[in-house]
Amino acid sequence: LESDPAETKDLSDDAALAGVREDLYRQLVQWLLRVADDL
């Protein structure tokens, strides 16, 4: 979002960002667990 505020450059296959991608996957899973309904 800093270098590409228009969000036109997909970096999902960028090997240099593999660690970033995996960490965000982990964070997304945590959020999906959090929004599982308690009711």
PDB file of all heavy atoms in Angstrom:
ATOM      1  N   LEU A   1       0.805  -1.209   0.000  1.00  0.00           N
ATOM      2  CA  LEU A   1       0.000   0.000   0.000  1.00  0.00           C
ATOM      3  C   LEU A   1       0.842   1.266   0.000  1.00  0.00           C
ATOM      4  O   LEU A   1       0.350   2.333  -0.379  1.00  0.00           O
ATOM      5  CB  LEU A   1      -0.948  -0.004   1.208  1.00  0.00           C
ATOM      6  CG  LEU A   1      -1.931  -1.167   1.256  1.00  0.00           C
ATOM      7  CD1 LEU A   1      -2.746  -1.115   2.539  1.00  0.00           C
ATOM      8  CD2 LEU A   1      -2.849  -1.164   0.037  1.00  0.00           C
ATOM      9  N   GLU A   2       2.096   1.176   0.402  1.00  0.00           N
ATOM     10  CA  GLU A   2       2.959   2.358   0.395  1.00  0.00           C
ATOM     11  C   GLU A   2       3.489   2.654  -1.000  1.00  0.00           C
ATOM     12  O   GLU A   2       3.447   3.799  -1.461  1.00  0.00           O
ATOM     13  CB  GLU A   2       4.119   2.165   1.371  1.00  0.00           C
ATOM     14  CG  GLU A   2       3.701   2.214   2.832  1.00  0.00           C
ATOM     15  CD  GLU A   2       4.899   2.219   3.772  1.00  0.00           C
ATOM     16  OE1 GLU A   2       6.045   2.382   3.293  1.00  0.00           O
ATOM     17  OE2 GLU A   2       4.691   2.029   4.974  1.00  0.00           O
ATOM     18  N   SER A   3       4.005   1.642  -1.680  1.00  0.00           N
ATOM     19  CA  SER A   3       4.581   1.871  -3.004  1.00  0.00           C
ATOM     20  C   SER A   3       3.541   1.808  -4.122  1.00  0.00           C
ATOM     21  O   SER A   3       3.790   2.291  -5.230  1.00  0.00           O
ATOM     22  CB  SER A   3       5.680   0.838  -3.282  1.00  0.00           C
ATOM     23  OG  SER A   3       5.132  -0.471  -3.371  1.00  0.00           O
ATOM     24  N   ASP A   4       2.371   1.261  -3.826  1.00  0.00           N
ATOM     25  CA  ASP A   4       1.348   1.056  -4.845  1.00  0.00           C
ATOM     26  C   ASP A   4      -0.027   1.401  -4.271  1.00  0.00           C
ATOM     27  O   ASP A   4      -0.882   0.543  -4.077  1.00  0.00           O
ATOM     28  CB  ASP A   4       1.380  -0.406  -5.324  1.00  0.00           C
ATOM     29  CG  ASP A   4       0.304  -0.740  -6.343  1.00  0.00           C
ATOM     30  OD1 ASP A   4      -0.111   0.160  -7.094  1.00  0.00           O
ATOM     31  OD2 ASP A   4      -0.125  -1.914  -6.373  1.00  0.00           O
ATOM     32  N   PRO A   5      -0.282   2.685  -3.976  1.00  0.00           N
ATOM     33  CA  PRO A   5      -1.560   3.044  -3.361  1.00  0.00           C
ATOM     34  C   PRO A   5      -2.769   2.773  -4.244  1.00  0.00           C
ATOM     35  O   PRO A   5      -3.889   2.645  -3.738  1.00  0.00           O
ATOM     36  CB  PRO A   5      -1.405   4.544  -3.075  1.00  0.00           C
ATOM     37  CG  PRO A   5      -0.331   5.005  -3.995  1.00  0.00           C
ATOM     38  CD  PRO A   5       0.601   3.843  -4.145  1.00  0.00           C
ATOM     39  N   ALA A   6      -2.562   2.657  -5.559  1.00  0.00           N
ATOM     40  CA  ALA A   6      -3.679   2.337  -6.456  1.00  0.00           C
ATOM     41  C   ALA A   6      -4.012   0.853  -6.463  1.00  0.00           C
ATOM     42  O   ALA A   6      -5.037   0.456  -7.032  1.00  0.00           O
ATOM     43  CB  ALA A   6      -3.353   2.795  -7.874  1.00  0.00           C
ATOM     44  N   GLU A   7      -3.163   0.048  -5.853  1.00  0.00           N
ATOM     45  CA  GLU A   7      -3.375  -1.411  -5.777  1.00  0.00           C
ATOM     46  C   GLU A   7      -3.541  -2.026  -7.171  1.00  0.00           C
ATOM     47  O   GLU A   7      -4.469  -2.761  -7.448  1.00  0.00           O
ATOM     48  CB  GLU A   7      -4.583  -1.727  -4.900  1.00  0.00           C
ATOM     49  CG  GLU A   7      -4.432  -1.263  -3.461  1.00  0.00           C
ATOM     50  CD  GLU A   7      -5.728  -1.309  -2.679  1.00  0.00           C
ATOM     51  OE1 GLU A   7      -6.080  -2.407  -2.192  1.00  0.00           O
ATOM     52  OE2 GLU A   7      -6.378  -0.254  -2.564  1.00  0.00           O
ATOM     53  N   THR A   8      -2.581  -1.744  -8.027  1.00  0.00           N
ATOM     54  CA  THR A   8      -2.604  -2.279  -9.388  1.00  0.00           C
ATOM     55  C   THR A   8      -1.476  -3.270  -9.648  1.00  0.00           C
ATOM     56  O   THR A   8      -1.386  -3.816 -10.751  1.00  0.00           O
ATOM     57  CB  THR A   8      -2.506  -1.133 -10.412  1.00  0.00           C
ATOM     58  OG1 THR A   8      -1.297  -0.404 -10.191  1.00  0.00           O
ATOM     59  CG2 THR A   8      -3.697  -0.187 -10.297  1.00  0.00           C
ATOM     60  N   LYS A   9      -0.606  -3.505  -8.653  1.00  0.00           N
ATOM     61  CA  LYS A   9       0.538  -4.405  -8.853  1.00  0.00           C
ATOM     62  C   LYS A   9       0.437  -5.562  -7.873  1.00  0.00           C
ATOM     63  O   LYS A   9       0.811  -5.450  -6.699  1.00  0.00           O
ATOM     64  CB  LYS A   9       1.852  -3.642  -8.653  1.00  0.00           C
ATOM     65  CG  LYS A   9       2.028  -2.476  -9.613  1.00  0.00           C
ATOM     66  CD  LYS A   9       3.249  -1.639  -9.269  1.00  0.00           C
ATOM     67  CE  LYS A   9       3.348  -0.420 -10.176  1.00  0.00           C
ATOM     68  NZ  LYS A   9       4.475   0.473  -9.787  1.00  0.00           N
ATOM     69  N   ASP A  10      -0.072  -6.664  -8.338  1.00  0.00           N
ATOM     70  CA  ASP A  10      -0.231  -7.847  -7.492  1.00  0.00           C
ATOM     71  C   ASP A  10       1.130  -8.488  -7.240  1.00  0.00           C
ATOM     72  O   ASP A  10       1.849  -8.853  -8.179  1.00  0.00           O
ATOM     73  CB  ASP A  10      -1.172  -8.840  -8.175  1.00  0.00           C
ATOM     74  CG  ASP A  10      -1.291 -10.144  -7.425  1.00  0.00           C
ATOM     75  OD1 ASP A  10      -1.052 -10.157  -6.202  1.00  0.00           O
ATOM     76  OD2 ASP A  10      -1.619 -11.159  -8.068  1.00  0.00           O
ATOM     77  N   LEU A  11       1.493  -8.641  -5.961  1.00  0.00           N
ATOM     78  CA  LEU A  11       2.795  -9.187  -5.573  1.00  0.00           C
ATOM     79  C   LEU A  11       2.685 -10.580  -4.972  1.00  0.00           C
ATOM     80  O   LEU A  11       3.614 -11.061  -4.329  1.00  0.00           O
ATOM     81  CB  LEU A  11       3.447  -8.246  -4.549  1.00  0.00           C
ATOM     82  CG  LEU A  11       3.631  -6.793  -4.988  1.00  0.00           C
ATOM     83  CD1 LEU A  11       4.139  -5.948  -3.827  1.00  0.00           C
ATOM     84  CD2 LEU A  11       4.573  -6.704  -6.180  1.00  0.00           C
ATOM     85  N   SER A  12       1.544 -11.230  -5.200  1.00  0.00           N
ATOM     86  CA  SER A  12       1.322 -12.516  -4.534  1.00  0.00           C
ATOM     87  C   SER A  12       2.300 -13.593  -4.981  1.00  0.00           C
ATOM     88  O   SER A  12       2.527 -14.568  -4.249  1.00  0.00           O
ATOM     89  CB  SER A  12      -0.119 -12.991  -4.756  1.00  0.00           C
ATOM     90  OG  SER A  12      -0.398 -13.116  -6.134  1.00  0.00           O
ATOM     91  N   ASP A  13       2.882 -13.442  -6.169  1.00  0.00           N
ATOM     92  CA  ASP A  13       3.851 -14.428  -6.655  1.00  0.00           C
ATOM     93  C   ASP A  13       5.299 -13.961  -6.510  1.00  0.00           C
ATOM     94  O   ASP A  13       6.215 -14.623  -7.020  1.00  0.00           O
ATOM     95  CB  ASP A  13       3.573 -14.757  -8.127  1.00  0.00           C
ATOM     96  CG  ASP A  13       2.279 -15.533  -8.309  1.00  0.00           C
ATOM     97  OD1 ASP A  13       1.920 -16.285  -7.383  1.00  0.00           O
ATOM     98  OD2 ASP A  13       1.629 -15.367  -9.357  1.00  0.00           O
ATOM     99  N   ASP A  14       5.506 -12.858  -5.827  1.00  0.00           N
ATOM    100  CA  ASP A  14       6.852 -12.326  -5.649  1.00  0.00           C
ATOM    101  C   ASP A  14       7.584 -13.148  -4.587  1.00  0.00           C
ATOM    102  O   ASP A  14       7.231 -13.137  -3.405  1.00  0.00           O
ATOM    103  CB  ASP A  14       6.765 -10.864  -5.221  1.00  0.00           C
ATOM    104  CG  ASP A  14       8.113 -10.162  -5.206  1.00  0.00           C
ATOM    105  OD1 ASP A  14       9.142 -10.840  -5.022  1.00  0.00           O
ATOM    106  OD2 ASP A  14       8.145  -8.928  -5.371  1.00  0.00           O
ATOM    107  N   ALA A  15       8.615 -13.869  -4.993  1.00  0.00           N
ATOM    108  CA  ALA A  15       9.341 -14.750  -4.071  1.00  0.00           C
ATOM    109  C   ALA A  15       9.957 -13.975  -2.917  1.00  0.00           C
ATOM    110  O   ALA A  15      10.077 -14.500  -1.801  1.00  0.00           O
ATOM    111  CB  ALA A  15      10.424 -15.520  -4.834  1.00  0.00           C
ATOM    112  N   ALA A  16      10.330 -12.734  -3.169  1.00  0.00           N
ATOM    113  CA  ALA A  16      10.952 -11.935  -2.114  1.00  0.00           C
ATOM    114  C   ALA A  16       9.970 -11.601  -0.992  1.00  0.00           C
ATOM    115  O   ALA A  16      10.382 -11.240   0.111  1.00  0.00           O
ATOM    116  CB  ALA A  16      11.523 -10.650  -2.710  1.00  0.00           C
ATOM    117  N   LEU A  17       8.683 -11.715  -1.275  1.00  0.00           N
ATOM    118  CA  LEU A  17       7.660 -11.388  -0.276  1.00  0.00           C
ATOM    119  C   LEU A  17       6.942 -12.633   0.238  1.00  0.00           C
ATOM    120  O   LEU A  17       5.862 -12.530   0.825  1.00  0.00           O
ATOM    121  CB  LEU A  17       6.650 -10.403  -0.873  1.00  0.00           C
ATOM    122  CG  LEU A  17       7.197  -9.017  -1.213  1.00  0.00           C
ATOM    123  CD1 LEU A  17       6.126  -8.175  -1.897  1.00  0.00           C
ATOM    124  CD2 LEU A  17       7.698  -8.313   0.045  1.00  0.00           C
ATOM    125  N   ALA A  18       7.557 -13.793   0.039  1.00  0.00           N
ATOM    126  CA  ALA A  18       6.915 -15.040   0.477  1.00  0.00           C
ATOM    127  C   ALA A  18       6.648 -15.016   1.983  1.00  0.00           C
ATOM    128  O   ALA A  18       5.589 -15.468   2.454  1.00  0.00           O
ATOM    129  CB  ALA A  18       7.775 -16.240   0.104  1.00  0.00           C
ATOM    130  N   GLY A  19       7.578 -14.482   2.750  1.00  0.00           N
ATOM    131  CA  GLY A  19       7.386 -14.419   4.196  1.00  0.00           C
ATOM    132  C   GLY A  19       6.252 -13.502   4.581  1.00  0.00           C
ATOM    133  O   GLY A  19       5.466 -13.801   5.497  1.00  0.00           O
ATOM    134  N   VAL A  20       6.156 -12.361   3.893  1.00  0.00           N
ATOM    135  CA  VAL A  20       5.054 -11.429   4.147  1.00  0.00           C
ATOM    136  C   VAL A  20       3.727 -12.095   3.835  1.00  0.00           C
ATOM    137  O   VAL A  20       2.757 -12.010   4.609  1.00  0.00           O
ATOM    138  CB  VAL A  20       5.226 -10.152   3.303  1.00  0.00           C
ATOM    139  CG1 VAL A  20       3.969  -9.279   3.367  1.00  0.00           C
ATOM    140  CG2 VAL A  20       6.449  -9.372   3.758  1.00  0.00           C
ATOM    141  N   ARG A  21       3.684 -12.766   2.690  1.00  0.00           N
ATOM    142  CA  ARG A  21       2.444 -13.435   2.279  1.00  0.00           C
ATOM    143  C   ARG A  21       2.030 -14.497   3.293  1.00  0.00           C
ATOM    144  O   ARG A  21       0.855 -14.564   3.701  1.00  0.00           O
ATOM    145  CB  ARG A  21       2.624 -14.063   0.895  1.00  0.00           C
ATOM    146  CG  ARG A  21       1.352 -14.685   0.332  1.00  0.00           C
ATOM    147  CD  ARG A  21       1.584 -15.222  -1.069  1.00  0.00           C
ATOM    148  NE  ARG A  21       2.576 -16.287  -1.084  1.00  0.00           N
ATOM    149  CZ  ARG A  21       3.768 -16.200  -1.653  1.00  0.00           C
ATOM    150  NH1 ARG A  21       4.142 -15.083  -2.250  1.00  0.00           N
ATOM    151  NH2 ARG A  21       4.612 -17.229  -1.629  1.00  0.00           N
ATOM    152  N   GLU A  22       2.957 -15.292   3.750  1.00  0.00           N
ATOM    153  CA  GLU A  22       2.623 -16.356   4.690  1.00  0.00           C
ATOM    154  C   GLU A  22       2.185 -15.787   6.038  1.00  0.00           C
ATOM    155  O   GLU A  22       1.263 -16.318   6.674  1.00  0.00           O
ATOM    156  CB  GLU A  22       3.830 -17.285   4.875  1.00  0.00           C
ATOM    157  CG  GLU A  22       4.187 -18.090   3.639  1.00  0.00           C
ATOM    158  CD  GLU A  22       2.985 -18.835   3.068  1.00  0.00           C
ATOM    159  OE1 GLU A  22       2.292 -19.517   3.857  1.00  0.00           O
ATOM    160  OE2 GLU A  22       2.734 -18.718   1.851  1.00  0.00           O
ATOM    161  N   ASP A  23       2.807 -14.703   6.464  1.00  0.00           N
ATOM    162  CA  ASP A  23       2.394 -14.095   7.729  1.00  0.00           C
ATOM    163  C   ASP A  23       0.984 -13.535   7.630  1.00  0.00           C
ATOM    164  O   ASP A  23       0.182 -13.683   8.567  1.00  0.00           O
ATOM    165  CB  ASP A  23       3.372 -12.991   8.126  1.00  0.00           C
ATOM    166  CG  ASP A  23       3.012 -12.375   9.466  1.00  0.00           C
ATOM    167  OD1 ASP A  23       3.027 -13.104  10.479  1.00  0.00           O
ATOM    168  OD2 ASP A  23       2.692 -11.173   9.513  1.00  0.00           O
ATOM    169  N   LEU A  24       0.648 -12.914   6.492  1.00  0.00           N
ATOM    170  CA  LEU A  24      -0.707 -12.394   6.337  1.00  0.00           C
ATOM    171  C   LEU A  24      -1.725 -13.516   6.232  1.00  0.00           C
ATOM    172  O   LEU A  24      -2.859 -13.376   6.723  1.00  0.00           O
ATOM    173  CB  LEU A  24      -0.784 -11.471   5.123  1.00  0.00           C
ATOM    174  CG  LEU A  24      -0.098 -10.115   5.298  1.00  0.00           C
ATOM    175  CD1 LEU A  24      -0.139  -9.325   3.998  1.00  0.00           C
ATOM    176  CD2 LEU A  24      -0.760  -9.314   6.414  1.00  0.00           C
ATOM    177  N   TYR A  25      -1.342 -14.626   5.606  1.00  0.00           N
ATOM    178  CA  TYR A  25      -2.241 -15.798   5.612  1.00  0.00           C
ATOM    179  C   TYR A  25      -2.525 -16.235   7.052  1.00  0.00           C
ATOM    180  O   TYR A  25      -3.675 -16.523   7.420  1.00  0.00           O
ATOM    181  CB  TYR A  25      -1.605 -16.964   4.856  1.00  0.00           C
ATOM    182  CG  TYR A  25      -1.933 -17.031   3.390  1.00  0.00           C
ATOM    183  CD1 TYR A  25      -0.922 -17.072   2.431  1.00  0.00           C
ATOM    184  CD2 TYR A  25      -3.244 -17.080   2.945  1.00  0.00           C
ATOM    185  CE1 TYR A  25      -1.197 -17.150   1.079  1.00  0.00           C
ATOM    186  CE2 TYR A  25      -3.541 -17.162   1.591  1.00  0.00           C
ATOM    187  CZ  TYR A  25      -2.514 -17.197   0.664  1.00  0.00           C
ATOM    188  OH  TYR A  25      -2.803 -17.278  -0.672  1.00  0.00           O
ATOM    189  N   ARG A  26      -1.490 -16.271   7.861  1.00  0.00           N
ATOM    190  CA  ARG A  26      -1.666 -16.678   9.262  1.00  0.00           C
ATOM    191  C   ARG A  26      -2.571 -15.694   9.998  1.00  0.00           C
ATOM    192  O   ARG A  26      -3.463 -16.105  10.751  1.00  0.00           O
ATOM    193  CB  ARG A  26      -0.295 -16.761   9.946  1.00  0.00           C
ATOM    194  CG  ARG A  26      -0.359 -17.221  11.400  1.00  0.00           C
ATOM    195  CD  ARG A  26       1.030 -17.294  12.014  1.00  0.00           C
ATOM    196  NE  ARG A  26       1.678 -15.988  12.051  1.00  0.00           N
ATOM    197  CZ  ARG A  26       1.443 -15.080  13.000  1.00  0.00           C
ATOM    198  NH1 ARG A  26       0.576 -15.337  13.971  1.00  0.00           N
ATOM    199  NH2 ARG A  26       2.077 -13.919  12.976  1.00  0.00           N
ATOM    200  N   GLN A  27      -2.359 -14.403   9.752  1.00  0.00           N
ATOM    201  CA  GLN A  27      -3.200 -13.394  10.387  1.00  0.00           C
ATOM    202  C   GLN A  27      -4.647 -13.496   9.914  1.00  0.00           C
ATOM    203  O   GLN A  27      -5.594 -13.330  10.705  1.00  0.00           O
ATOM    204  CB  GLN A  27      -2.656 -11.991  10.090  1.00  0.00           C
ATOM    205  CG  GLN A  27      -1.259 -11.728  10.597  1.00  0.00           C
ATOM    206  CD  GLN A  27      -1.199 -11.565  12.103  1.00  0.00           C
ATOM    207  OE1 GLN A  27      -2.224 -11.511  12.770  1.00  0.00           O
ATOM    208  NE2 GLN A  27       0.006 -11.496  12.651  1.00  0.00           N
ATOM    209  N   LEU A  28      -4.831 -13.794   8.631  1.00  0.00           N
ATOM    210  CA  LEU A  28      -6.187 -13.945   8.114  1.00  0.00           C
ATOM    211  C   LEU A  28      -6.895 -15.126   8.770  1.00  0.00           C
ATOM    212  O   LEU A  28      -8.080 -15.027   9.133  1.00  0.00           O
ATOM    213  CB  LEU A  28      -6.155 -14.116   6.590  1.00  0.00           C
ATOM    214  CG  LEU A  28      -7.515 -14.310   5.911  1.00  0.00           C
ATOM    215  CD1 LEU A  28      -8.443 -13.135   6.190  1.00  0.00           C
ATOM    216  CD2 LEU A  28      -7.334 -14.506   4.405  1.00  0.00           C
ATOM    217  N   VAL A  29      -6.181 -16.220   8.938  1.00  0.00           N
ATOM    218  CA  VAL A  29      -6.783 -17.379   9.621  1.00  0.00           C
ATOM    219  C   VAL A  29      -7.182 -17.009  11.043  1.00  0.00           C
ATOM    220  O   VAL A  29      -8.256 -17.385  11.528  1.00  0.00           O
ATOM    221  CB  VAL A  29      -5.814 -18.579   9.611  1.00  0.00           C
ATOM    222  CG1 VAL A  29      -6.325 -19.691  10.519  1.00  0.00           C
ATOM    223  CG2 VAL A  29      -5.636 -19.101   8.186  1.00  0.00           C
ATOM    224  N   GLN A  30      -6.333 -16.245  11.734  1.00  0.00           N
ATOM    225  CA  GLN A  30      -6.684 -15.809  13.092  1.00  0.00           C
ATOM    226  C   GLN A  30      -7.960 -14.976  13.088  1.00  0.00           C
ATOM    227  O   GLN A  30      -8.817 -15.136  13.966  1.00  0.00           O
ATOM    228  CB  GLN A  30      -5.526 -15.004  13.698  1.00  0.00           C
ATOM    229  CG  GLN A  30      -4.321 -15.832  14.086  1.00  0.00           C
ATOM    230  CD  GLN A  30      -4.659 -16.840  15.175  1.00  0.00           C
ATOM    231  OE1 GLN A  30      -4.749 -18.033  14.929  1.00  0.00           O
ATOM    232  NE2 GLN A  30      -4.861 -16.346  16.390  1.00  0.00           N
ATOM    233  N   TRP A  31      -8.092 -14.089  12.119  1.00  0.00           N
ATOM    234  CA  TRP A  31      -9.302 -13.290  12.035  1.00  0.00           C
ATOM    235  C   TRP A  31     -10.517 -14.166  11.718  1.00  0.00           C
ATOM    236  O   TRP A  31     -11.614 -13.955  12.259  1.00  0.00           O
ATOM    237  CB  TRP A  31      -9.149 -12.194  10.986  1.00  0.00           C
ATOM    238  CG  TRP A  31      -8.544 -10.946  11.535  1.00  0.00           C
ATOM    239  CD1 TRP A  31      -7.264 -10.493  11.381  1.00  0.00           C
ATOM    240  CD2 TRP A  31      -9.203  -9.981  12.365  1.00  0.00           C
ATOM    241  NE1 TRP A  31      -7.082  -9.311  12.051  1.00  0.00           N
ATOM    242  CE2 TRP A  31      -8.254  -8.964  12.662  1.00  0.00           C
ATOM    243  CE3 TRP A  31     -10.492  -9.862  12.875  1.00  0.00           C
ATOM    244  CZ2 TRP A  31      -8.579  -7.858  13.451  1.00  0.00           C
ATOM    245  CZ3 TRP A  31     -10.810  -8.762  13.665  1.00  0.00           C
ATOM    246  CH2 TRP A  31      -9.864  -7.782  13.946  1.00  0.00           C
ATOM    247  N   LEU A  32     -10.355 -15.130  10.829  1.00  0.00           N
ATOM    248  CA  LEU A  32     -11.482 -16.001  10.506  1.00  0.00           C
ATOM    249  C   LEU A  32     -11.936 -16.795  11.727  1.00  0.00           C
ATOM    250  O   LEU A  32     -13.140 -17.045  11.900  1.00  0.00           O
ATOM    251  CB  LEU A  32     -11.105 -16.939   9.358  1.00  0.00           C
ATOM    252  CG  LEU A  32     -10.895 -16.248   8.004  1.00  0.00           C
ATOM    253  CD1 LEU A  32     -10.342 -17.240   6.982  1.00  0.00           C
ATOM    254  CD2 LEU A  32     -12.205 -15.636   7.497  1.00  0.00           C
ATOM    255  N   LEU A  33     -10.980 -17.168  12.585  1.00  0.00           N
ATOM    256  CA  LEU A  33     -11.356 -17.823  13.832  1.00  0.00           C
ATOM    257  C   LEU A  33     -12.069 -16.840  14.756  1.00  0.00           C
ATOM    258  O   LEU A  33     -13.043 -17.206  15.427  1.00  0.00           O
ATOM    259  CB  LEU A  33     -10.110 -18.393  14.521  1.00  0.00           C
ATOM    260  CG  LEU A  33      -9.406 -19.548  13.810  1.00  0.00           C
ATOM    261  CD1 LEU A  33      -8.097 -19.881  14.517  1.00  0.00           C
ATOM    262  CD2 LEU A  33     -10.310 -20.776  13.749  1.00  0.00           C
ATOM    263  N   ARG A  34     -11.601 -15.612  14.770  1.00  0.00           N
ATOM    264  CA  ARG A  34     -12.203 -14.615  15.659  1.00  0.00           C
ATOM    265  C   ARG A  34     -13.643 -14.304  15.262  1.00  0.00           C
ATOM    266  O   ARG A  34     -14.502 -14.083  16.130  1.00  0.00           O
ATOM    267  CB  ARG A  34     -11.371 -13.339  15.646  1.00  0.00           C
ATOM    268  CG  ARG A  34     -11.888 -12.272  16.604  1.00  0.00           C
ATOM    269  CD  ARG A  34     -10.918 -11.114  16.739  1.00  0.00           C
ATOM    270  NE  ARG A  34     -11.318 -10.229  17.829  1.00  0.00           N
ATOM    271  CZ  ARG A  34     -10.487  -9.501  18.540  1.00  0.00           C
ATOM    272  NH1 ARG A  34      -9.183  -9.540  18.283  1.00  0.00           N
ATOM    273  NH2 ARG A  34     -10.921  -8.717  19.512  1.00  0.00           N
ATOM    274  N   VAL A  35     -13.925 -14.237  13.980  1.00  0.00           N
ATOM    275  CA  VAL A  35     -15.270 -13.857  13.555  1.00  0.00           C
ATOM    276  C   VAL A  35     -16.208 -15.055  13.427  1.00  0.00           C
ATOM    277  O   VAL A  35     -17.366 -14.889  13.028  1.00  0.00           O
ATOM    278  CB  VAL A  35     -15.239 -13.064  12.232  1.00  0.00           C
ATOM    279  CG1 VAL A  35     -14.378 -11.831  12.380  1.00  0.00           C
ATOM    280  CG2 VAL A  35     -14.761 -13.920  11.067  1.00  0.00           C
ATOM    281  N   ALA A  36     -15.732 -16.259  13.781  1.00  0.00           N
ATOM    282  CA  ALA A  36     -16.662 -17.379  13.917  1.00  0.00           C
ATOM    283  C   ALA A  36     -17.643 -17.018  15.033  1.00  0.00           C
ATOM    284  O   ALA A  36     -17.243 -16.568  16.106  1.00  0.00           O
ATOM    285  CB  ALA A  36     -15.912 -18.662  14.249  1.00  0.00           C
ATOM    286  N   ASP A  37     -18.938 -17.214  14.816  1.00  0.00           N
ATOM    287  CA  ASP A  37     -19.945 -16.644  15.694  1.00  0.00           C
ATOM    288  C   ASP A  37     -20.024 -17.362  17.037  1.00  0.00           C
ATOM    289  O   ASP A  37     -20.157 -18.585  17.095  1.00  0.00           O
ATOM    290  CB  ASP A  37     -21.303 -16.683  14.998  1.00  0.00           C
ATOM    291  CG  ASP A  37     -22.306 -15.758  15.650  1.00  0.00           C
ATOM    292  OD1 ASP A  37     -21.953 -15.097  16.628  1.00  0.00           O
ATOM    293  OD2 ASP A  37     -23.450 -15.693  15.152  1.00  0.00           O
ATOM    294  N   ASP A  38     -19.989 -16.583  18.141  1.00  0.00           N
ATOM    295  CA  ASP A  38     -20.154 -17.128  19.486  1.00  0.00           C
ATOM    296  C   ASP A  38     -21.621 -17.349  19.846  1.00  0.00           C
ATOM    297  O   ASP A  38     -21.914 -17.943  20.890  1.00  0.00           O
ATOM    298  CB  ASP A  38     -19.553 -16.172  20.522  1.00  0.00           C
ATOM    299  CG  ASP A  38     -18.047 -16.027  20.386  1.00  0.00           C
ATOM    300  OD1 ASP A  38     -17.417 -16.945  19.834  1.00  0.00           O
ATOM    301  OD2 ASP A  38     -17.519 -14.994  20.834  1.00  0.00           O
ATOM    302  N   LEU A  39     -22.533 -16.844  19.021  1.00  0.00           N
ATOM    303  CA  LEU A  39     -23.962 -16.961  19.315  1.00  0.00           C
ATOM    304  C   LEU A  39     -24.571 -18.142  18.572  1.00  0.00           C
ATOM    305  O   LEU A  39     -24.091 -18.523  17.513  1.00  0.00           O
ATOM    306  CB  LEU A  39     -24.681 -15.670  18.917  1.00  0.00           C
ATOM    307  CG  LEU A  39     -24.237 -14.400  19.634  1.00  0.00           C
ATOM    308  CD1 LEU A  39     -25.011 -13.201  19.085  1.00  0.00           C
ATOM    309  CD2 LEU A  39     -24.416 -14.504  21.138  1.00  0.00           C
TER     310      LEU A  39
END
